[in-house]
Structure formats: structure tokens, C-alpha cells
Amino acid sequence: MLTLFGFSQKSLTIQGNLENLICNNNGINRITLNHNLRYLNCSGNYITQLDLNEKLEKLICSENFLTSLVANENLVHLNCSDNNLIHLILNENLKVLRCSDNSLTRLLLNYQLETLSCPRNLLTDLDLNRKLKYLDCSENLLESISSNLELVELSCNDNNLQNLRFSRNLQTVLCGDNLLSEIFPNENLKELHCENNKITALTVNTDLLFLVCSNNKMTSLKLNEKITFVECEDNLLSTLMIPESMRTLKCENNDLPFTNLDEYHEKRNLHFCKSIFKN
């Protein structure tokens, strides 16, 4: 392992049998790799071009000035966030990809990818592979996302989505700031954020514990018996049954006629804003 701090040269050439190199935040604008390198962290430099060696397995090259990057065959973990990437070519073995804050308009995913973080790009379409479990594609231009049965966590905030399919294994979904008019959660969902959409009705699954659905168009909301946290401000709610499990409720700017707030607060330690309710 070689770690460089305060490296004064603009160009770096790696020779010999070195396998692990950390040279982040040094002002380097060019780096030449040896054949044996397996791990490279060169983030926070001024690199505009990077040719990868065949044996490299993990690469962190975020916060540089790359416009294109081709993954070598053995690379399994890539973090190339905060660059100027327009073109990114993946290999068949990559399992983790973090490429946020670039200018990518297209991503062709391989079949082995399990984690993808690509927020703040220019993506209009995203075709998911079958093994993907964790996806963050927030702040793009997506109008649809293909269904994936293995997906466990999904963050797709701030896109142009009009519909969204919930696969059976999803446990956490963040889909706020879209154009969704309806949502049908799966049975295993534990956490749902769907604020700032156009949702008129929401079916809450039996295992949901955490719900944020503020600023929609819902007139009613039926909660399950397990839920502990709800934010449903800025809707059209006129009725809301509070289950025994509830610990935090935020529902300003509705039309809720609750009169037994002191009882709820005393028995359940419920946190709420009293000013929202009618006497």
C-alpha cells in the first residue's frame, strides 16, 4: 500500500509490483498505472484521462475532470462521481457503480451490477438488470423505470415519473417530486416517501412503518396498525384514524376535526402540531 500526501508533481507514473495506491487530493493531472495495481483512489485531482490496467478491481476517481471512462475487465467497484462524464462503458463484472453528478444521458448496465447510484445526470431512460438491489437515480429526466424483482431500496426523487411499479422485495422507496397520481405499495414495504406528487389515493400495506406523503391530493388515508411515523401535510384529508402504534404525526393544512388530542398525547407520547386541528 502506498499513500501519497502533498505530492508536488503534476504527473505520476506507477511502476513495479504495487497493488494498492491512494493519491487523492494532490493536484495530479496525469497518472500512468502499472500492470499489478488492484486498488486506486485518485479522487480530488485534475485528471482528464485515465487508462486502466487489466488487474484493477476497485477504482475511486471521483472529483476529477474525466469526460469518458472505459472499465477494465476485472473492475468490480467504481466510483466516478463528480466528473464531466459524457461516456461511460461498463464491463461484465462490475457490481457497484457510483456515477452521480455527471452529464450522462445513457447507461447500459451489465448483468452483475448490484448497486447503482447515478443521481444528478441527464438520464431519460434506465433499463434495470435482474440482480440490482440498490438504486438511486434521483434528479434525472426519467419518465419510467423498468421493474426489477430483486430491488430492495429505490430512490427516484425528482424525475418525470407518471407511474411506478413496486417489485415484491422493495423495502424502502423514495419517489417524491414526480408526476405520480397513484401508488400501489408491495406487501414488504417498510418506508415510503412520495411527497410532492399528484396522488389522490394511497393503499398502505400492513408492514409499512414510515410514511411521508405530504403535498398530494388525498382526501382519505387508511393507516395500518404498525405504522409509527406519518407526514401527510398539505392534502385534502377530512378523516384520519390514528393507530395505537403512532409516535409522530404531522398533518398541517388538512381539514381534520380531531378533538381528543390530549388523550392521544398523554397515552401514546404522540408528537404533533396542535394548531392544525379544529375544536
C-alpha atoms as a PDB file:
ATOM      1  CA  MET A   1       0.000   0.000   0.000  1.00  0.00           C
ATOM      2  CA  LEU A   2       1.325   3.433  -0.966  1.00  0.00           C
ATOM      3  CA  THR A   3      -0.327   6.634   0.263  1.00  0.00           C
ATOM      4  CA  LEU A   4       0.754  10.000  -1.143  1.00  0.00           C
ATOM      5  CA  PHE A   5       0.083  13.313   0.623  1.00  0.00           C
ATOM      6  CA  GLY A   6       1.409  16.651  -0.556  1.00  0.00           C
ATOM      7  CA  PHE A   7       2.724  15.186  -3.803  1.00  0.00           C
ATOM      8  CA  SER A   8       4.270  18.131  -5.653  1.00  0.00           C
ATOM      9  CA  GLN A   9       4.417  16.703  -9.183  1.00  0.00           C
ATOM     10  CA  LYS A  10       1.593  17.075 -11.697  1.00  0.00           C
ATOM     11  CA  SER A  11       2.292  13.722 -13.336  1.00  0.00           C
ATOM     12  CA  LEU A  12       2.508  10.362 -11.551  1.00  0.00           C
ATOM     13  CA  THR A  13       3.878   7.103 -13.001  1.00  0.00           C
ATOM     14  CA  ILE A  14       3.432   3.850 -11.071  1.00  0.00           C
ATOM     15  CA  GLN A  15       5.975   1.090 -11.627  1.00  0.00           C
ATOM     16  CA  GLY A  16       6.902  -2.237 -10.057  1.00  0.00           C
ATOM     17  CA  ASN A  17       4.556  -4.593  -8.196  1.00  0.00           C
ATOM     18  CA  LEU A  18       2.492  -2.040  -6.252  1.00  0.00           C
ATOM     19  CA  GLU A  19      -1.111  -3.261  -5.803  1.00  0.00           C
ATOM     20  CA  ASN A  20      -2.769  -0.504  -3.707  1.00  0.00           C
ATOM     21  CA  LEU A  21      -2.399   3.240  -4.233  1.00  0.00           C
ATOM     22  CA  ILE A  22      -4.047   6.223  -2.514  1.00  0.00           C
ATOM     23  CA  CYS A  23      -3.134   9.562  -4.103  1.00  0.00           C
ATOM     24  CA  ASN A  24      -6.282  11.650  -3.632  1.00  0.00           C
ATOM     25  CA  ASN A  25      -6.233  15.461  -3.302  1.00  0.00           C
ATOM     26  CA  ASN A  26      -2.748  16.075  -4.660  1.00  0.00           C
ATOM     27  CA  GLY A  27      -3.277  18.263  -7.733  1.00  0.00           C
ATOM     28  CA  ILE A  28      -2.275  15.470 -10.125  1.00  0.00           C
ATOM     29  CA  ASN A  29      -3.408  15.913 -13.743  1.00  0.00           C
ATOM     30  CA  ARG A  30      -1.954  12.731 -15.224  1.00  0.00           C
ATOM     31  CA  ILE A  31      -1.393   9.241 -13.866  1.00  0.00           C
ATOM     32  CA  THR A  32       0.144   6.168 -15.536  1.00  0.00           C
ATOM     33  CA  LEU A  33      -0.657   2.838 -13.885  1.00  0.00           C
ATOM     34  CA  ASN A  34       1.475  -0.279 -13.572  1.00  0.00           C
ATOM     35  CA  HIS A  35       0.189  -3.742 -14.534  1.00  0.00           C
ATOM     36  CA  ASN A  36      -0.305  -5.081 -10.990  1.00  0.00           C
ATOM     37  CA  LEU A  37      -2.448  -2.345  -9.410  1.00  0.00           C
ATOM     38  CA  ARG A  38      -5.697  -3.652  -7.890  1.00  0.00           C
ATOM     39  CA  TYR A  39      -6.926  -0.670  -5.856  1.00  0.00           C
ATOM     40  CA  LEU A  40      -6.679   3.002  -6.814  1.00  0.00           C
ATOM     41  CA  ASN A  41      -8.046   6.096  -5.077  1.00  0.00           C
ATOM     42  CA  CYS A  42      -7.148   9.170  -7.129  1.00  0.00           C
ATOM     43  CA  SER A  43     -10.154  11.332  -6.245  1.00  0.00           C
ATOM     44  CA  GLY A  44      -9.958  15.093  -5.888  1.00  0.00           C
ATOM     45  CA  ASN A  45      -7.309  15.716  -8.536  1.00  0.00           C
ATOM     46  CA  TYR A  46      -7.271  17.311 -12.024  1.00  0.00           C
ATOM     47  CA  ILE A  47      -7.167  14.145 -14.108  1.00  0.00           C
ATOM     48  CA  THR A  48      -8.766  14.418 -17.558  1.00  0.00           C
ATOM     49  CA  GLN A  49      -7.911  10.958 -18.900  1.00  0.00           C
ATOM     50  CA  LEU A  50      -7.426   7.620 -17.162  1.00  0.00           C
ATOM     51  CA  ASP A  51      -6.350   4.367 -18.817  1.00  0.00           C
ATOM     52  CA  LEU A  52      -6.996   1.417 -16.514  1.00  0.00           C
ATOM     53  CA  ASN A  53      -4.746  -1.612 -16.127  1.00  0.00           C
ATOM     54  CA  GLU A  54      -6.203  -5.117 -16.533  1.00  0.00           C
ATOM     55  CA  LYS A  55      -5.921  -6.211 -12.891  1.00  0.00           C
ATOM     56  CA  LEU A  56      -7.612  -3.177 -11.311  1.00  0.00           C
ATOM     57  CA  GLU A  57     -10.569  -4.261  -9.132  1.00  0.00           C
ATOM     58  CA  LYS A  58     -11.613  -1.104  -7.268  1.00  0.00           C
ATOM     59  CA  LEU A  59     -11.362   2.460  -8.570  1.00  0.00           C
ATOM     60  CA  ILE A  60     -12.293   5.716  -6.847  1.00  0.00           C
ATOM     61  CA  CYS A  61     -11.734   8.575  -9.275  1.00  0.00           C
ATOM     62  CA  SER A  62     -14.446  10.993  -8.159  1.00  0.00           C
ATOM     63  CA  GLU A  63     -13.972  14.773  -8.257  1.00  0.00           C
ATOM     64  CA  ASN A  64     -11.775  14.925 -11.329  1.00  0.00           C
ATOM     65  CA  PHE A  65     -12.315  16.218 -14.885  1.00  0.00           C
ATOM     66  CA  LEU A  66     -12.886  12.992 -16.806  1.00  0.00           C
ATOM     67  CA  THR A  67     -15.182  13.156 -19.838  1.00  0.00           C
ATOM     68  CA  SER A  68     -15.079   9.449 -20.700  1.00  0.00           C
ATOM     69  CA  LEU A  69     -14.096   6.229 -18.952  1.00  0.00           C
ATOM     70  CA  VAL A  70     -13.854   2.589 -20.026  1.00  0.00           C
ATOM     71  CA  ALA A  71     -13.950  -0.033 -17.278  1.00  0.00           C
ATOM     72  CA  ASN A  72     -11.336  -2.772 -17.444  1.00  0.00           C
ATOM     73  CA  GLU A  73     -12.443  -6.418 -17.363  1.00  0.00           C
ATOM     74  CA  ASN A  74     -11.707  -7.124 -13.686  1.00  0.00           C
ATOM     75  CA  LEU A  75     -13.181  -3.957 -12.183  1.00  0.00           C
ATOM     76  CA  VAL A  76     -15.953  -4.745  -9.662  1.00  0.00           C
ATOM     77  CA  HIS A  77     -16.285  -1.410  -7.804  1.00  0.00           C
ATOM     78  CA  LEU A  78     -16.274   2.006  -9.487  1.00  0.00           C
ATOM     79  CA  ASN A  79     -16.865   5.468  -8.038  1.00  0.00           C
ATOM     80  CA  CYS A  80     -16.545   8.118 -10.746  1.00  0.00           C
ATOM     81  CA  SER A  81     -18.919  10.718  -9.293  1.00  0.00           C
ATOM     82  CA  ASP A  82     -18.371  14.455  -9.727  1.00  0.00           C
ATOM     83  CA  ASN A  83     -16.647  14.434 -13.098  1.00  0.00           C
ATOM     84  CA  ASN A  84     -17.656  15.680 -16.561  1.00  0.00           C
ATOM     85  CA  LEU A  85     -18.504  12.236 -17.898  1.00  0.00           C
ATOM     86  CA  ILE A  86     -20.461  12.011 -21.120  1.00  0.00           C
ATOM     87  CA  HIS A  87     -19.497   8.428 -21.971  1.00  0.00           C
ATOM     88  CA  LEU A  88     -19.143   5.546 -19.528  1.00  0.00           C
ATOM     89  CA  ILE A  89     -18.572   1.986 -20.734  1.00  0.00           C
ATOM     90  CA  LEU A  90     -19.030  -0.788 -18.172  1.00  0.00           C
ATOM     91  CA  ASN A  91     -17.612  -4.296 -18.134  1.00  0.00           C
ATOM     92  CA  GLU A  92     -19.438  -7.582 -17.449  1.00  0.00           C
ATOM     93  CA  ASN A  93     -18.184  -7.971 -13.866  1.00  0.00           C
ATOM     94  CA  LEU A  94     -18.956  -4.635 -12.223  1.00  0.00           C
ATOM     95  CA  LYS A  95     -21.076  -4.952  -9.048  1.00  0.00           C
ATOM     96  CA  VAL A  96     -21.009  -1.430  -7.600  1.00  0.00           C
ATOM     97  CA  LEU A  97     -21.283   1.765  -9.661  1.00  0.00           C
ATOM     98  CA  ARG A  98     -21.453   5.307  -8.293  1.00  0.00           C
ATOM     99  CA  CYS A  99     -21.530   7.900 -11.058  1.00  0.00           C
ATOM    100  CA  SER A 100     -23.546  10.803  -9.664  1.00  0.00           C
ATOM    101  CA  ASP A 101     -23.082  14.415 -10.742  1.00  0.00           C
ATOM    102  CA  ASN A 102     -22.010  13.891 -14.333  1.00  0.00           C
ATOM    103  CA  SER A 103     -23.578  14.550 -17.755  1.00  0.00           C
ATOM    104  CA  LEU A 104     -24.527  11.003 -18.694  1.00  0.00           C
ATOM    105  CA  THR A 105     -27.541  10.631 -20.974  1.00  0.00           C
ATOM    106  CA  ARG A 106     -27.375   6.848 -21.210  1.00  0.00           C
ATOM    107  CA  LEU A 107     -26.244   3.905 -19.086  1.00  0.00           C
ATOM    108  CA  LEU A 108     -26.005   0.338 -20.358  1.00  0.00           C
ATOM    109  CA  LEU A 109     -25.966  -1.823 -17.243  1.00  0.00           C
ATOM    110  CA  ASN A 110     -24.254  -5.180 -17.042  1.00  0.00           C
ATOM    111  CA  TYR A 111     -25.952  -8.284 -15.613  1.00  0.00           C
ATOM    112  CA  GLN A 112     -23.847  -8.459 -12.430  1.00  0.00           C
ATOM    113  CA  LEU A 113     -24.496  -4.953 -11.095  1.00  0.00           C
ATOM    114  CA  GLU A 114     -25.989  -4.936  -7.575  1.00  0.00           C
ATOM    115  CA  THR A 115     -25.648  -1.278  -6.534  1.00  0.00           C
ATOM    116  CA  LEU A 116     -26.196   1.748  -8.771  1.00  0.00           C
ATOM    117  CA  SER A 117     -26.045   5.383  -7.675  1.00  0.00           C
ATOM    118  CA  CYS A 118     -26.493   7.772 -10.604  1.00  0.00           C
ATOM    119  CA  PRO A 119     -28.323  10.885  -9.328  1.00  0.00           C
ATOM    120  CA  ARG A 120     -27.906  14.269 -10.990  1.00  0.00           C
ATOM    121  CA  ASN A 121     -27.232  13.186 -14.536  1.00  0.00           C
ATOM    122  CA  LEU A 122     -29.271  13.635 -17.735  1.00  0.00           C
ATOM    123  CA  LEU A 123     -30.747  10.149 -17.972  1.00  0.00           C
ATOM    124  CA  THR A 124     -34.107   9.815 -19.730  1.00  0.00           C
ATOM    125  CA  ASP A 125     -34.348   6.027 -19.600  1.00  0.00           C
ATOM    126  CA  LEU A 126     -32.972   3.295 -17.370  1.00  0.00           C
ATOM    127  CA  ASP A 127     -33.259  -0.423 -18.079  1.00  0.00           C
ATOM    128  CA  LEU A 128     -32.516  -2.366 -14.884  1.00  0.00           C
ATOM    129  CA  ASN A 129     -30.804  -5.712 -14.719  1.00  0.00           C
ATOM    130  CA  ARG A 130     -32.165  -8.613 -12.654  1.00  0.00           C
ATOM    131  CA  LYS A 131     -29.550  -8.575  -9.896  1.00  0.00           C
ATOM    132  CA  LEU A 132     -29.770  -4.907  -8.943  1.00  0.00           C
ATOM    133  CA  LYS A 133     -30.692  -4.454  -5.261  1.00  0.00           C
ATOM    134  CA  TYR A 134     -29.939  -0.804  -4.505  1.00  0.00           C
ATOM    135  CA  LEU A 135     -30.776   2.026  -6.900  1.00  0.00           C
ATOM    136  CA  ASP A 136     -30.525   5.795  -6.547  1.00  0.00           C
ATOM    137  CA  CYS A 137     -31.455   7.565  -9.784  1.00  0.00           C
ATOM    138  CA  SER A 138     -32.769  10.802  -8.276  1.00  0.00           C
ATOM    139  CA  GLU A 139     -32.671  14.138 -10.087  1.00  0.00           C
ATOM    140  CA  ASN A 140     -32.614  12.899 -13.649  1.00  0.00           C
ATOM    141  CA  LEU A 141     -35.109  13.168 -16.524  1.00  0.00           C
ATOM    142  CA  LEU A 142     -36.597   9.694 -16.221  1.00  0.00           C
ATOM    143  CA  GLU A 143     -40.158   9.094 -17.386  1.00  0.00           C
ATOM    144  CA  SER A 144     -40.167   5.392 -16.496  1.00  0.00           C
ATOM    145  CA  ILE A 145     -38.146   2.771 -14.626  1.00  0.00           C
ATOM    146  CA  SER A 146     -38.290  -0.886 -15.553  1.00  0.00           C
ATOM    147  CA  SER A 147     -39.397  -3.361 -12.897  1.00  0.00           C
ATOM    148  CA  ASN A 148     -36.809  -5.409 -11.026  1.00  0.00           C
ATOM    149  CA  LEU A 149     -37.789  -8.274  -8.711  1.00  0.00           C
ATOM    150  CA  GLU A 150     -34.588  -8.163  -6.628  1.00  0.00           C
ATOM    151  CA  LEU A 151     -34.623  -4.433  -5.865  1.00  0.00           C
ATOM    152  CA  VAL A 152     -34.632  -3.707  -2.109  1.00  0.00           C
ATOM    153  CA  GLU A 153     -34.077   0.070  -1.978  1.00  0.00           C
ATOM    154  CA  LEU A 154     -35.169   2.619  -4.584  1.00  0.00           C
ATOM    155  CA  SER A 155     -34.617   6.361  -4.628  1.00  0.00           C
ATOM    156  CA  CYS A 156     -36.046   8.060  -7.714  1.00  0.00           C
ATOM    157  CA  ASN A 157     -36.919  11.517  -6.382  1.00  0.00           C
ATOM    158  CA  ASP A 158     -37.213  14.490  -8.691  1.00  0.00           C
ATOM    159  CA  ASN A 159     -37.791  12.895 -12.092  1.00  0.00           C
ATOM    160  CA  ASN A 160     -40.736  12.917 -14.519  1.00  0.00           C
ATOM    161  CA  LEU A 161     -42.267   9.601 -13.471  1.00  0.00           C
ATOM    162  CA  GLN A 162     -46.010   9.196 -14.060  1.00  0.00           C
ATOM    163  CA  ASN A 163     -46.236   5.606 -12.826  1.00  0.00           C
ATOM    164  CA  LEU A 164     -44.087   3.316 -10.741  1.00  0.00           C
ATOM    165  CA  ARG A 165     -44.213  -0.450 -10.249  1.00  0.00           C
ATOM    166  CA  PHE A 166     -43.287  -1.803  -6.832  1.00  0.00           C
ATOM    167  CA  SER A 167     -41.450  -5.125  -7.004  1.00  0.00           C
ATOM    168  CA  ARG A 168     -42.072  -7.659  -4.258  1.00  0.00           C
ATOM    169  CA  ASN A 169     -38.759  -7.211  -2.404  1.00  0.00           C
ATOM    170  CA  LEU A 170     -38.769  -3.425  -2.102  1.00  0.00           C
ATOM    171  CA  GLN A 171     -38.476  -2.248   1.500  1.00  0.00           C
ATOM    172  CA  THR A 172     -37.610   1.436   1.047  1.00  0.00           C
ATOM    173  CA  VAL A 173     -38.914   3.749  -1.696  1.00  0.00           C
ATOM    174  CA  LEU A 174     -38.238   7.461  -2.134  1.00  0.00           C
ATOM    175  CA  CYS A 175     -40.245   8.757  -5.098  1.00  0.00           C
ATOM    176  CA  GLY A 176     -41.063  12.339  -4.141  1.00  0.00           C
ATOM    177  CA  ASP A 177     -41.221  15.243  -6.601  1.00  0.00           C
ATOM    178  CA  ASN A 178     -42.549  13.339  -9.593  1.00  0.00           C
ATOM    179  CA  LEU A 179     -45.848  13.257 -11.527  1.00  0.00           C
ATOM    180  CA  LEU A 180     -47.347  10.187  -9.860  1.00  0.00           C
ATOM    181  CA  SER A 181     -51.126  10.051  -9.498  1.00  0.00           C
ATOM    182  CA  GLU A 182     -51.364   6.639  -7.824  1.00  0.00           C
ATOM    183  CA  ILE A 183     -49.144   4.217  -5.949  1.00  0.00           C
ATOM    184  CA  PHE A 184     -49.627   0.548  -5.094  1.00  0.00           C
ATOM    185  CA  PRO A 185     -47.053  -0.491  -2.455  1.00  0.00           C
ATOM    186  CA  ASN A 186     -45.956  -4.092  -2.184  1.00  0.00           C
ATOM    187  CA  GLU A 187     -46.510  -6.174   0.963  1.00  0.00           C
ATOM    188  CA  ASN A 188     -42.917  -5.914   2.231  1.00  0.00           C
ATOM    189  CA  LEU A 189     -42.520  -2.134   2.079  1.00  0.00           C
ATOM    190  CA  LYS A 190     -41.291  -0.572   5.350  1.00  0.00           C
ATOM    191  CA  GLU A 191     -40.613   3.034   4.348  1.00  0.00           C
ATOM    192  CA  LEU A 192     -42.296   5.205   1.694  1.00  0.00           C
ATOM    193  CA  HIS A 193     -41.618   8.831   0.710  1.00  0.00           C
ATOM    194  CA  CYS A 194     -43.999  10.021  -2.013  1.00  0.00           C
ATOM    195  CA  GLU A 195     -44.355  13.719  -1.222  1.00  0.00           C
ATOM    196  CA  ASN A 196     -44.966  16.400  -3.866  1.00  0.00           C
ATOM    197  CA  ASN A 197     -46.847  14.301  -6.392  1.00  0.00           C
ATOM    198  CA  LYS A 198     -50.472  14.189  -7.608  1.00  0.00           C
ATOM    199  CA  ILE A 199     -51.626  11.168  -5.628  1.00  0.00           C
ATOM    200  CA  THR A 200     -55.351  11.034  -4.893  1.00  0.00           C
ATOM    201  CA  ALA A 201     -55.459   7.686  -3.085  1.00  0.00           C
ATOM    202  CA  LEU A 202     -52.899   5.573  -1.269  1.00  0.00           C
ATOM    203  CA  THR A 203     -53.229   1.996  -0.045  1.00  0.00           C
ATOM    204  CA  VAL A 204     -50.971   1.464   2.961  1.00  0.00           C
ATOM    205  CA  ASN A 205     -49.583  -2.054   3.195  1.00  0.00           C
ATOM    206  CA  THR A 206     -49.693  -3.883   6.537  1.00  0.00           C
ATOM    207  CA  ASP A 207     -45.930  -3.695   7.263  1.00  0.00           C
ATOM    208  CA  LEU A 208     -45.327  -0.018   6.482  1.00  0.00           C
ATOM    209  CA  LEU A 209     -43.699   1.806   9.423  1.00  0.00           C
ATOM    210  CA  PHE A 210     -42.669   5.175   7.968  1.00  0.00           C
ATOM    211  CA  LEU A 211     -44.748   7.279   5.552  1.00  0.00           C
ATOM    212  CA  VAL A 212     -44.176  10.719   4.044  1.00  0.00           C
ATOM    213  CA  CYS A 213     -46.967  11.688   1.630  1.00  0.00           C
ATOM    214  CA  SER A 214     -47.201  15.466   2.036  1.00  0.00           C
ATOM    215  CA  ASN A 215     -48.421  17.821  -0.686  1.00  0.00           C
ATOM    216  CA  ASN A 216     -50.626  15.482  -2.673  1.00  0.00           C
ATOM    217  CA  LYS A 217     -54.366  15.405  -3.385  1.00  0.00           C
ATOM    218  CA  MET A 218     -55.575  12.714  -0.987  1.00  0.00           C
ATOM    219  CA  THR A 219     -58.992  13.040   0.642  1.00  0.00           C
ATOM    220  CA  SER A 220     -58.609   9.960   2.854  1.00  0.00           C
ATOM    221  CA  LEU A 221     -55.804   7.859   4.250  1.00  0.00           C
ATOM    222  CA  LYS A 222     -56.214   4.492   5.956  1.00  0.00           C
ATOM    223  CA  LEU A 223     -53.236   3.565   8.094  1.00  0.00           C
ATOM    224  CA  ASN A 224     -52.173   0.137   9.278  1.00  0.00           C
ATOM    225  CA  GLU A 225     -51.772  -0.968  12.909  1.00  0.00           C
ATOM    226  CA  LYS A 226     -47.943  -0.934  12.861  1.00  0.00           C
ATOM    227  CA  ILE A 227     -47.086   2.480  11.474  1.00  0.00           C
ATOM    228  CA  THR A 228     -45.112   4.812  13.772  1.00  0.00           C
ATOM    229  CA  PHE A 229     -44.331   7.900  11.664  1.00  0.00           C
ATOM    230  CA  VAL A 230     -46.598   9.809   9.247  1.00  0.00           C
ATOM    231  CA  GLU A 231     -46.198  13.134   7.464  1.00  0.00           C
ATOM    232  CA  CYS A 232     -49.337  13.924   5.466  1.00  0.00           C
ATOM    233  CA  GLU A 233     -49.391  17.724   5.443  1.00  0.00           C
ATOM    234  CA  ASP A 234     -50.953  19.720   2.610  1.00  0.00           C
ATOM    235  CA  ASN A 235     -53.545  17.238   1.429  1.00  0.00           C
ATOM    236  CA  LEU A 236     -57.356  17.243   1.425  1.00  0.00           C
ATOM    237  CA  LEU A 237     -57.842  14.870   4.346  1.00  0.00           C
ATOM    238  CA  SER A 238     -61.072  15.134   6.310  1.00  0.00           C
ATOM    239  CA  THR A 239     -60.712  11.890   8.293  1.00  0.00           C
ATOM    240  CA  LEU A 240     -57.755  10.056   9.757  1.00  0.00           C
ATOM    241  CA  MET A 241     -57.778   7.167  12.211  1.00  0.00           C
ATOM    242  CA  ILE A 242     -54.673   7.170  14.392  1.00  0.00           C
ATOM    243  CA  PRO A 243     -53.468   3.677  15.341  1.00  0.00           C
ATOM    244  CA  GLU A 244     -52.021   2.825  18.752  1.00  0.00           C
ATOM    245  CA  SER A 245     -48.565   2.400  17.219  1.00  0.00           C
ATOM    246  CA  MET A 246     -48.288   6.039  16.073  1.00  0.00           C
ATOM    247  CA  ARG A 247     -45.488   8.102  17.627  1.00  0.00           C
ATOM    248  CA  THR A 248     -45.070  11.016  15.237  1.00  0.00           C
ATOM    249  CA  LEU A 249     -47.851  12.602  13.185  1.00  0.00           C
ATOM    250  CA  LYS A 250     -47.515  15.727  11.054  1.00  0.00           C
ATOM    251  CA  CYS A 251     -50.654  16.724   9.198  1.00  0.00           C
ATOM    252  CA  GLU A 252     -50.834  20.503   8.880  1.00  0.00           C
ATOM    253  CA  ASN A 253     -53.069  22.097   6.246  1.00  0.00           C
ATOM    254  CA  ASN A 254     -55.809  19.496   6.085  1.00  0.00           C
ATOM    255  CA  ASP A 255     -59.402  19.507   7.303  1.00  0.00           C
ATOM    256  CA  LEU A 256     -59.154  17.135  10.247  1.00  0.00           C
ATOM    257  CA  PRO A 257     -61.734  17.516  13.064  1.00  0.00           C
ATOM    258  CA  PHE A 258     -59.813  15.835  15.921  1.00  0.00           C
ATOM    259  CA  THR A 259     -60.933  16.731  19.460  1.00  0.00           C
ATOM    260  CA  ASN A 260     -59.144  14.095  21.572  1.00  0.00           C
ATOM    261  CA  LEU A 261     -55.575  15.310  21.122  1.00  0.00           C
ATOM    262  CA  ASP A 262     -54.749  15.456  24.826  1.00  0.00           C
ATOM    263  CA  GLU A 263     -55.748  11.814  25.213  1.00  0.00           C
ATOM    264  CA  TYR A 264     -53.563  10.734  22.297  1.00  0.00           C
ATOM    265  CA  HIS A 265     -50.655  12.787  23.556  1.00  0.00           C
ATOM    266  CA  GLU A 266     -50.848  11.500  27.128  1.00  0.00           C
ATOM    267  CA  LYS A 267     -51.322   7.805  26.340  1.00  0.00           C
ATOM    268  CA  ARG A 268     -49.020   7.447  23.348  1.00  0.00           C
ATOM    269  CA  ASN A 269     -46.445  10.200  23.712  1.00  0.00           C
ATOM    270  CA  LEU A 270     -47.595  11.318  20.266  1.00  0.00           C
ATOM    271  CA  HIS A 271     -45.770  14.256  18.702  1.00  0.00           C
ATOM    272  CA  PHE A 272     -47.896  16.584  16.612  1.00  0.00           C
ATOM    273  CA  CYS A 273     -48.692  20.194  15.869  1.00  0.00           C
ATOM    274  CA  LYS A 274     -51.880  21.213  17.733  1.00  0.00           C
ATOM    275  CA  SER A 275     -52.525  24.260  15.590  1.00  0.00           C
ATOM    276  CA  ILE A 276     -53.668  22.100  12.699  1.00  0.00           C
ATOM    277  CA  PHE A 277     -56.793  20.733  14.353  1.00  0.00           C
ATOM    278  CA  LYS A 278     -60.276  22.106  14.748  1.00  0.00           C
ATOM    279  CA  ASN A 279     -62.016  22.278  18.130  1.00  0.00           C
END
